[in-house]
C-alpha cells in the first residue's frame, strides 16, 4: 500500500512538473510572438513616411487604405497626398521631414549592406 501511495505521489509530482514545463513553453512562445509583433510594427513605421507624427490608429488606417487601393497609380497618388499631409503636420509641430518622397523600392538600408540577396558567396 505504501508503494501505491508513493507511485501516486510520483505521478502527481510528474504532472506538476509537466504543467510547469508547459507554462514556461507558453511564456516563451508568447514572448517570441510579442518580439515579432514589435519588430513588424517597427519595420512598418520605418517604411511609412511621417509615422513618428502619426497615432497608432492613423498608421493602421494608412496601411489599410494602401492595401485597399487597386492600382500603382492610386497608391502613388495616396502616398503623395500622405507625404504632403505629413510635411504640413511636421511644420505645425516644429519637426523636419524630407521635402521629397523617396522613390518607392529604393529605401536605404539603415545598417548599410547590399540589401536582400546581395553579396552572396561565389
N, C-alpha and C. Protein backbone atom coordinates (compact mmCIF):
# COMPACT_ATOMS: atom_id res chain seq x y z
N UNK A 1 0.83 -1.20 0.00
CA UNK A 1 0.00 0.00 0.00
C UNK A 1 0.88 1.27 0.00
N UNK A 2 1.98 1.25 0.71
CA UNK A 2 2.90 2.38 0.72
C UNK A 2 3.47 2.60 -0.68
N UNK A 3 3.72 1.50 -1.38
CA UNK A 3 4.27 1.60 -2.74
C UNK A 3 3.26 2.29 -3.67
N UNK A 4 1.98 1.96 -3.50
CA UNK A 4 0.92 2.57 -4.32
C UNK A 4 0.85 4.07 -4.02
N UNK A 5 0.95 4.43 -2.76
CA UNK A 5 0.92 5.83 -2.36
C UNK A 5 2.11 6.58 -2.95
N UNK A 6 3.29 5.98 -2.91
CA UNK A 6 4.48 6.60 -3.47
C UNK A 6 4.34 6.79 -4.98
N UNK A 7 3.75 5.79 -5.65
CA UNK A 7 3.54 5.90 -7.09
C UNK A 7 2.59 7.05 -7.41
N UNK A 8 1.52 7.18 -6.62
CA UNK A 8 0.57 8.27 -6.84
C UNK A 8 1.25 9.63 -6.61
N UNK A 9 2.06 9.72 -5.57
CA UNK A 9 2.78 10.96 -5.29
C UNK A 9 3.73 11.30 -6.44
N UNK A 10 4.39 10.27 -6.96
CA UNK A 10 5.31 10.47 -8.08
C UNK A 10 4.55 10.95 -9.31
N UNK A 11 3.37 10.36 -9.55
CA UNK A 11 2.55 10.78 -10.69
C UNK A 11 2.13 12.24 -10.55
N UNK A 12 1.71 12.61 -9.34
CA UNK A 12 1.29 13.99 -9.09
C UNK A 12 2.47 14.94 -9.31
N UNK A 13 3.64 14.56 -8.81
CA UNK A 13 4.84 15.37 -8.98
C UNK A 13 5.18 15.52 -10.46
N UNK A 14 5.11 14.43 -11.22
CA UNK A 14 5.40 14.48 -12.65
C UNK A 14 4.40 15.37 -13.38
N UNK A 15 3.13 15.28 -12.99
CA UNK A 15 2.11 16.10 -13.62
C UNK A 15 2.37 17.59 -13.35
N UNK A 16 2.75 17.90 -12.11
CA UNK A 16 3.05 19.29 -11.76
C UNK A 16 4.26 19.78 -12.55
N UNK A 17 5.27 18.94 -12.68
CA UNK A 17 6.46 19.31 -13.45
C UNK A 17 6.10 19.56 -14.91
N UNK A 18 5.24 18.71 -15.44
CA UNK A 18 4.82 18.87 -16.83
C UNK A 18 4.04 20.17 -17.01
N UNK A 19 3.18 20.49 -16.04
CA UNK A 19 2.43 21.73 -16.11
C UNK A 19 3.35 22.94 -16.09
N UNK A 20 4.35 22.89 -15.22
CA UNK A 20 5.32 23.98 -15.14
C UNK A 20 6.07 24.12 -16.46
N UNK A 21 6.48 22.98 -17.01
CA UNK A 21 7.20 22.98 -18.29
C UNK A 21 6.32 23.58 -19.39
N UNK A 22 5.06 23.19 -19.44
CA UNK A 22 4.14 23.71 -20.45
C UNK A 22 3.92 25.21 -20.27
N UNK A 23 3.82 25.65 -19.01
CA UNK A 23 3.64 27.08 -18.75
C UNK A 23 4.86 27.87 -19.23
N UNK A 24 6.05 27.34 -18.96
CA UNK A 24 7.27 28.01 -19.40
C UNK A 24 7.33 28.08 -20.92
N UNK A 25 6.96 26.97 -21.58
CA UNK A 25 6.95 26.95 -23.04
C UNK A 25 5.96 27.97 -23.58
N UNK A 26 4.81 28.07 -22.95
CA UNK A 26 3.79 29.03 -23.37
C UNK A 26 4.32 30.46 -23.21
N UNK A 27 4.99 30.73 -22.10
CA UNK A 27 5.56 32.05 -21.87
C UNK A 27 6.60 32.40 -22.93
N UNK A 28 7.45 31.44 -23.25
CA UNK A 28 8.49 31.67 -24.27
C UNK A 28 7.83 31.95 -25.62
N UNK A 29 6.81 31.17 -25.95
CA UNK A 29 6.09 31.37 -27.21
C UNK A 29 5.46 32.76 -27.26
N UNK A 30 4.83 33.17 -26.17
CA UNK A 30 4.19 34.49 -26.12
C UNK A 30 5.23 35.60 -26.24
N UNK A 31 6.38 35.43 -25.58
CA UNK A 31 7.44 36.43 -25.67
C UNK A 31 7.96 36.56 -27.10
N UNK A 32 8.13 35.41 -27.77
CA UNK A 32 8.60 35.44 -29.15
C UNK A 32 7.59 36.13 -30.05
N UNK A 33 6.30 35.85 -29.83
CA UNK A 33 5.27 36.48 -30.64
C UNK A 33 5.25 37.99 -30.41
N UNK A 34 5.45 38.41 -29.16
CA UNK A 34 5.49 39.84 -28.87
C UNK A 34 6.69 40.50 -29.55
N UNK A 35 7.83 39.83 -29.53
CA UNK A 35 9.02 40.37 -30.17
C UNK A 35 8.81 40.51 -31.67
N UNK A 36 8.23 39.48 -32.28
CA UNK A 36 7.96 39.53 -33.72
C UNK A 36 7.00 40.67 -34.02
N UNK A 37 5.96 40.80 -33.20
CA UNK A 37 4.99 41.88 -33.38
C UNK A 37 5.63 43.25 -33.29
N UNK A 38 6.52 43.41 -32.31
CA UNK A 38 7.22 44.69 -32.16
C UNK A 38 8.13 44.96 -33.35
N UNK A 39 8.82 43.93 -33.83
CA UNK A 39 9.70 44.10 -34.99
C UNK A 39 8.90 44.49 -36.22
N UNK A 40 7.76 43.82 -36.42
CA UNK A 40 6.92 44.13 -37.58
C UNK A 40 6.40 45.56 -37.49
N UNK A 41 6.00 45.96 -36.28
CA UNK A 41 5.50 47.32 -36.10
C UNK A 41 6.59 48.33 -36.37
N UNK A 42 7.81 48.05 -35.89
CA UNK A 42 8.92 48.97 -36.12
C UNK A 42 9.25 49.06 -37.61
N UNK A 43 9.25 47.93 -38.31
CA UNK A 43 9.53 47.94 -39.74
C UNK A 43 8.47 48.73 -40.49
N UNK A 44 7.22 48.53 -40.09
CA UNK A 44 6.13 49.25 -40.76
C UNK A 44 6.28 50.75 -40.55
N UNK A 45 6.66 51.15 -39.33
CA UNK A 45 6.83 52.57 -39.05
C UNK A 45 7.99 53.14 -39.84
N UNK A 46 9.08 52.36 -39.98
CA UNK A 46 10.22 52.83 -40.74
C UNK A 46 9.87 53.02 -42.21
N UNK A 47 8.95 52.22 -42.73
CA UNK A 47 8.57 52.29 -44.13
C UNK A 47 7.53 53.37 -44.40
N UNK A 48 6.83 53.82 -43.38
CA UNK A 48 5.74 54.77 -43.56
C UNK A 48 6.24 56.18 -43.28
N UNK A 49 6.22 57.01 -44.30
CA UNK A 49 6.71 58.37 -44.16
C UNK A 49 5.93 59.11 -43.09
N UNK A 50 6.64 59.74 -42.16
CA UNK A 50 6.00 60.54 -41.13
C UNK A 50 5.33 59.73 -40.03
N UNK A 51 5.63 58.45 -39.95
CA UNK A 51 4.95 57.60 -38.96
C UNK A 51 5.17 58.10 -37.54
N UNK A 52 6.30 58.77 -37.30
CA UNK A 52 6.58 59.27 -35.96
C UNK A 52 5.64 60.39 -35.57
N UNK A 53 4.95 60.95 -36.55
CA UNK A 53 3.99 62.03 -36.29
C UNK A 53 2.55 61.52 -36.26
N UNK A 54 2.37 60.22 -36.43
CA UNK A 54 1.03 59.63 -36.53
C UNK A 54 0.69 58.84 -35.28
N UNK A 55 -0.61 58.76 -35.00
CA UNK A 55 -1.07 57.90 -33.91
C UNK A 55 -1.09 56.46 -34.41
N UNK A 56 -1.11 55.49 -33.51
CA UNK A 56 -1.22 54.09 -33.95
C UNK A 56 -2.45 53.87 -34.83
N UNK A 57 -3.55 54.53 -34.49
CA UNK A 57 -4.78 54.38 -35.27
C UNK A 57 -4.58 54.91 -36.69
N UNK A 58 -3.90 56.05 -36.81
CA UNK A 58 -3.65 56.62 -38.13
C UNK A 58 -2.75 55.71 -38.96
N UNK A 59 -1.77 55.08 -38.31
CA UNK A 59 -0.90 54.17 -39.05
C UNK A 59 -1.70 52.97 -39.57
N UNK A 60 -2.60 52.47 -38.74
CA UNK A 60 -3.43 51.33 -39.16
C UNK A 60 -4.33 51.75 -40.33
N UNK A 61 -4.94 52.92 -40.21
CA UNK A 61 -5.80 53.42 -41.30
C UNK A 61 -5.01 53.58 -42.59
N UNK A 62 -3.81 54.13 -42.47
CA UNK A 62 -2.97 54.34 -43.65
C UNK A 62 -2.63 53.00 -44.31
N UNK A 63 -2.20 52.06 -43.49
CA UNK A 63 -1.85 50.73 -44.02
C UNK A 63 -3.04 50.07 -44.71
N UNK A 64 -4.21 50.14 -44.05
CA UNK A 64 -5.41 49.52 -44.62
C UNK A 64 -5.80 50.20 -45.94
N UNK A 65 -5.69 51.52 -45.98
CA UNK A 65 -6.03 52.25 -47.21
C UNK A 65 -5.09 51.85 -48.34
N UNK A 66 -3.78 51.78 -48.04
CA UNK A 66 -2.81 51.39 -49.07
C UNK A 66 -3.12 49.99 -49.60
N UNK A 67 -3.49 49.10 -48.72
CA UNK A 67 -3.81 47.73 -49.13
C UNK A 67 -5.08 47.65 -49.96
N UNK A 68 -5.98 48.61 -49.74
CA UNK A 68 -7.26 48.56 -50.45
C UNK A 68 -7.18 49.14 -51.86
N UNK A 69 -6.16 49.95 -52.12
CA UNK A 69 -6.03 50.57 -53.44
C UNK A 69 -5.61 49.54 -54.48
N UNK A 70 -6.22 49.62 -55.64
CA UNK A 70 -6.05 48.57 -56.66
C UNK A 70 -4.86 48.78 -57.60
N UNK A 71 -4.59 50.04 -57.94
CA UNK A 71 -3.54 50.27 -58.95
C UNK A 71 -2.34 50.98 -58.33
N UNK A 72 -1.22 50.86 -59.02
CA UNK A 72 0.00 51.54 -58.59
C UNK A 72 -0.21 53.06 -58.61
N UNK A 73 -0.97 53.55 -59.59
CA UNK A 73 -1.22 54.98 -59.70
C UNK A 73 -2.01 55.49 -58.49
N UNK A 74 -3.03 54.71 -58.07
CA UNK A 74 -3.82 55.10 -56.90
C UNK A 74 -2.93 55.14 -55.64
N UNK A 75 -2.09 54.12 -55.51
CA UNK A 75 -1.20 54.06 -54.34
C UNK A 75 -0.22 55.23 -54.35
N UNK A 76 0.32 55.55 -55.53
CA UNK A 76 1.28 56.65 -55.62
C UNK A 76 0.61 57.99 -55.31
N UNK A 77 -0.62 58.19 -55.79
CA UNK A 77 -1.35 59.42 -55.51
C UNK A 77 -1.64 59.53 -54.00
N UNK A 78 -2.05 58.44 -53.40
CA UNK A 78 -2.33 58.44 -51.96
C UNK A 78 -1.04 58.70 -51.18
N UNK A 79 0.06 58.09 -51.63
CA UNK A 79 1.35 58.26 -50.96
C UNK A 79 1.77 59.73 -51.01
N UNK A 80 1.60 60.37 -52.17
CA UNK A 80 1.97 61.78 -52.31
C UNK A 80 1.09 62.67 -51.43
N UNK A 81 -0.20 62.38 -51.42
CA UNK A 81 -1.13 63.12 -50.56
C UNK A 81 -0.73 62.98 -49.09
N UNK A 82 -0.41 61.76 -48.70
CA UNK A 82 0.01 61.48 -47.32
C UNK A 82 1.31 62.24 -47.01
N UNK A 83 2.24 62.23 -47.97
CA UNK A 83 3.52 62.91 -47.78
C UNK A 83 3.30 64.40 -47.50
N UNK A 84 2.46 65.01 -48.30
CA UNK A 84 2.16 66.43 -48.12
C UNK A 84 1.49 66.70 -46.78
N UNK A 85 0.59 65.82 -46.40
CA UNK A 85 -0.09 65.96 -45.11
C UNK A 85 0.91 65.87 -43.96
N UNK A 86 1.86 64.94 -44.07
CA UNK A 86 2.86 64.78 -43.01
C UNK A 86 3.83 65.96 -42.97
N UNK A 87 4.15 66.52 -44.15
CA UNK A 87 5.00 67.71 -44.17
C UNK A 87 4.32 68.86 -43.45
N UNK A 88 3.03 69.02 -43.69
CA UNK A 88 2.26 70.08 -43.03
C UNK A 88 2.21 69.85 -41.52
N UNK A 89 2.00 68.62 -41.12
CA UNK A 89 1.95 68.28 -39.70
C UNK A 89 3.31 68.52 -39.05
N UNK A 90 4.37 68.17 -39.74
CA UNK A 90 5.72 68.38 -39.21
C UNK A 90 5.97 69.87 -39.00
N UNK A 91 5.54 70.65 -39.98
CA UNK A 91 5.72 72.10 -39.91
C UNK A 91 4.98 72.65 -38.69
N UNK A 92 3.75 72.19 -38.48
CA UNK A 92 2.94 72.64 -37.34
C UNK A 92 3.59 72.27 -36.01
N UNK A 93 4.28 71.14 -35.98
CA UNK A 93 4.88 70.65 -34.73
C UNK A 93 6.35 71.02 -34.58
N UNK A 94 6.88 71.75 -35.54
CA UNK A 94 8.28 72.15 -35.46
C UNK A 94 9.26 71.02 -35.76
N UNK A 95 8.79 69.99 -36.43
CA UNK A 95 9.65 68.86 -36.80
C UNK A 95 10.08 69.03 -38.25
N UNK A 96 11.09 68.26 -38.65
CA UNK A 96 11.53 68.31 -40.04
C UNK A 96 11.45 66.92 -40.66
N UNK A 97 11.02 66.91 -41.90
CA UNK A 97 10.95 65.68 -42.70
C UNK A 97 11.51 66.01 -44.08
N UNK A 98 11.98 65.01 -44.83
CA UNK A 98 12.47 65.28 -46.18
C UNK A 98 11.37 65.89 -47.05
N UNK A 99 11.73 66.85 -47.87
CA UNK A 99 10.75 67.53 -48.71
C UNK A 99 10.21 66.62 -49.81
N UNK A 100 11.06 65.79 -50.38
CA UNK A 100 10.61 64.93 -51.47
C UNK A 100 10.53 63.48 -51.00
N UNK A 101 9.49 62.78 -51.41
CA UNK A 101 9.37 61.38 -51.02
C UNK A 101 10.49 60.57 -51.67
N UNK A 102 10.98 59.56 -50.94
CA UNK A 102 11.99 58.69 -51.53
C UNK A 102 11.31 57.80 -52.55
N UNK A 103 12.02 57.46 -53.64
CA UNK A 103 11.42 56.60 -54.66
C UNK A 103 11.02 55.26 -54.05
N UNK A 104 9.88 54.78 -54.44
CA UNK A 104 9.37 53.52 -53.91
C UNK A 104 10.32 52.40 -54.30
N UNK A 105 10.66 51.54 -53.32
CA UNK A 105 11.53 50.42 -53.58
C UNK A 105 13.00 50.78 -53.55
N UNK A 106 13.32 52.03 -53.29
CA UNK A 106 14.72 52.47 -53.27
C UNK A 106 15.11 52.91 -51.86
N UNK A 107 14.59 52.22 -50.87
CA UNK A 107 14.91 52.58 -49.49
C UNK A 107 16.37 52.33 -49.19
N UNK A 108 16.91 53.16 -48.36
CA UNK A 108 18.28 52.99 -47.93
C UNK A 108 18.26 52.13 -46.68
N UNK A 109 19.04 51.08 -46.69
CA UNK A 109 19.10 50.18 -45.55
C UNK A 109 19.80 50.92 -44.40
N UNK A 110 19.15 51.04 -43.21
CA UNK A 110 19.72 51.82 -42.12
C UNK A 110 21.05 51.26 -41.61
N UNK A 111 21.31 49.99 -41.84
CA UNK A 111 22.54 49.39 -41.35
C UNK A 111 23.56 49.23 -42.47
N UNK A 112 23.26 49.74 -43.63
CA UNK A 112 24.15 49.58 -44.78
C UNK A 112 23.98 48.20 -45.36
N UNK A 113 24.94 47.79 -46.14
CA UNK A 113 24.87 46.44 -46.70
C UNK A 113 24.31 46.44 -48.09
N UNK A 114 24.21 45.24 -48.64
CA UNK A 114 23.81 45.05 -50.03
C UNK A 114 22.31 44.94 -50.21
N UNK A 115 21.57 44.73 -49.13
CA UNK A 115 20.15 44.52 -49.28
C UNK A 115 19.83 43.05 -49.50
N UNK A 116 18.56 42.73 -49.71
CA UNK A 116 18.16 41.33 -49.86
C UNK A 116 18.86 40.64 -51.03
N UNK A 117 19.49 39.54 -50.75
CA UNK A 117 20.09 38.72 -51.80
C UNK A 117 21.42 39.22 -52.31
N UNK A 118 21.85 40.37 -51.86
CA UNK A 118 23.10 40.91 -52.36
C UNK A 118 24.32 40.35 -51.63
N UNK A 119 25.42 40.33 -52.31
CA UNK A 119 26.67 39.95 -51.66
C UNK A 119 26.81 38.47 -51.37
N UNK A 120 26.13 37.65 -52.12
CA UNK A 120 26.21 36.20 -51.89
C UNK A 120 27.60 35.67 -52.21
N UNK A 121 27.97 34.57 -51.60
CA UNK A 121 29.29 33.97 -51.86
C UNK A 121 29.27 33.22 -53.17
N UNK A 122 30.40 33.23 -53.81
CA UNK A 122 30.50 32.52 -55.09
C UNK A 122 31.47 31.40 -54.99
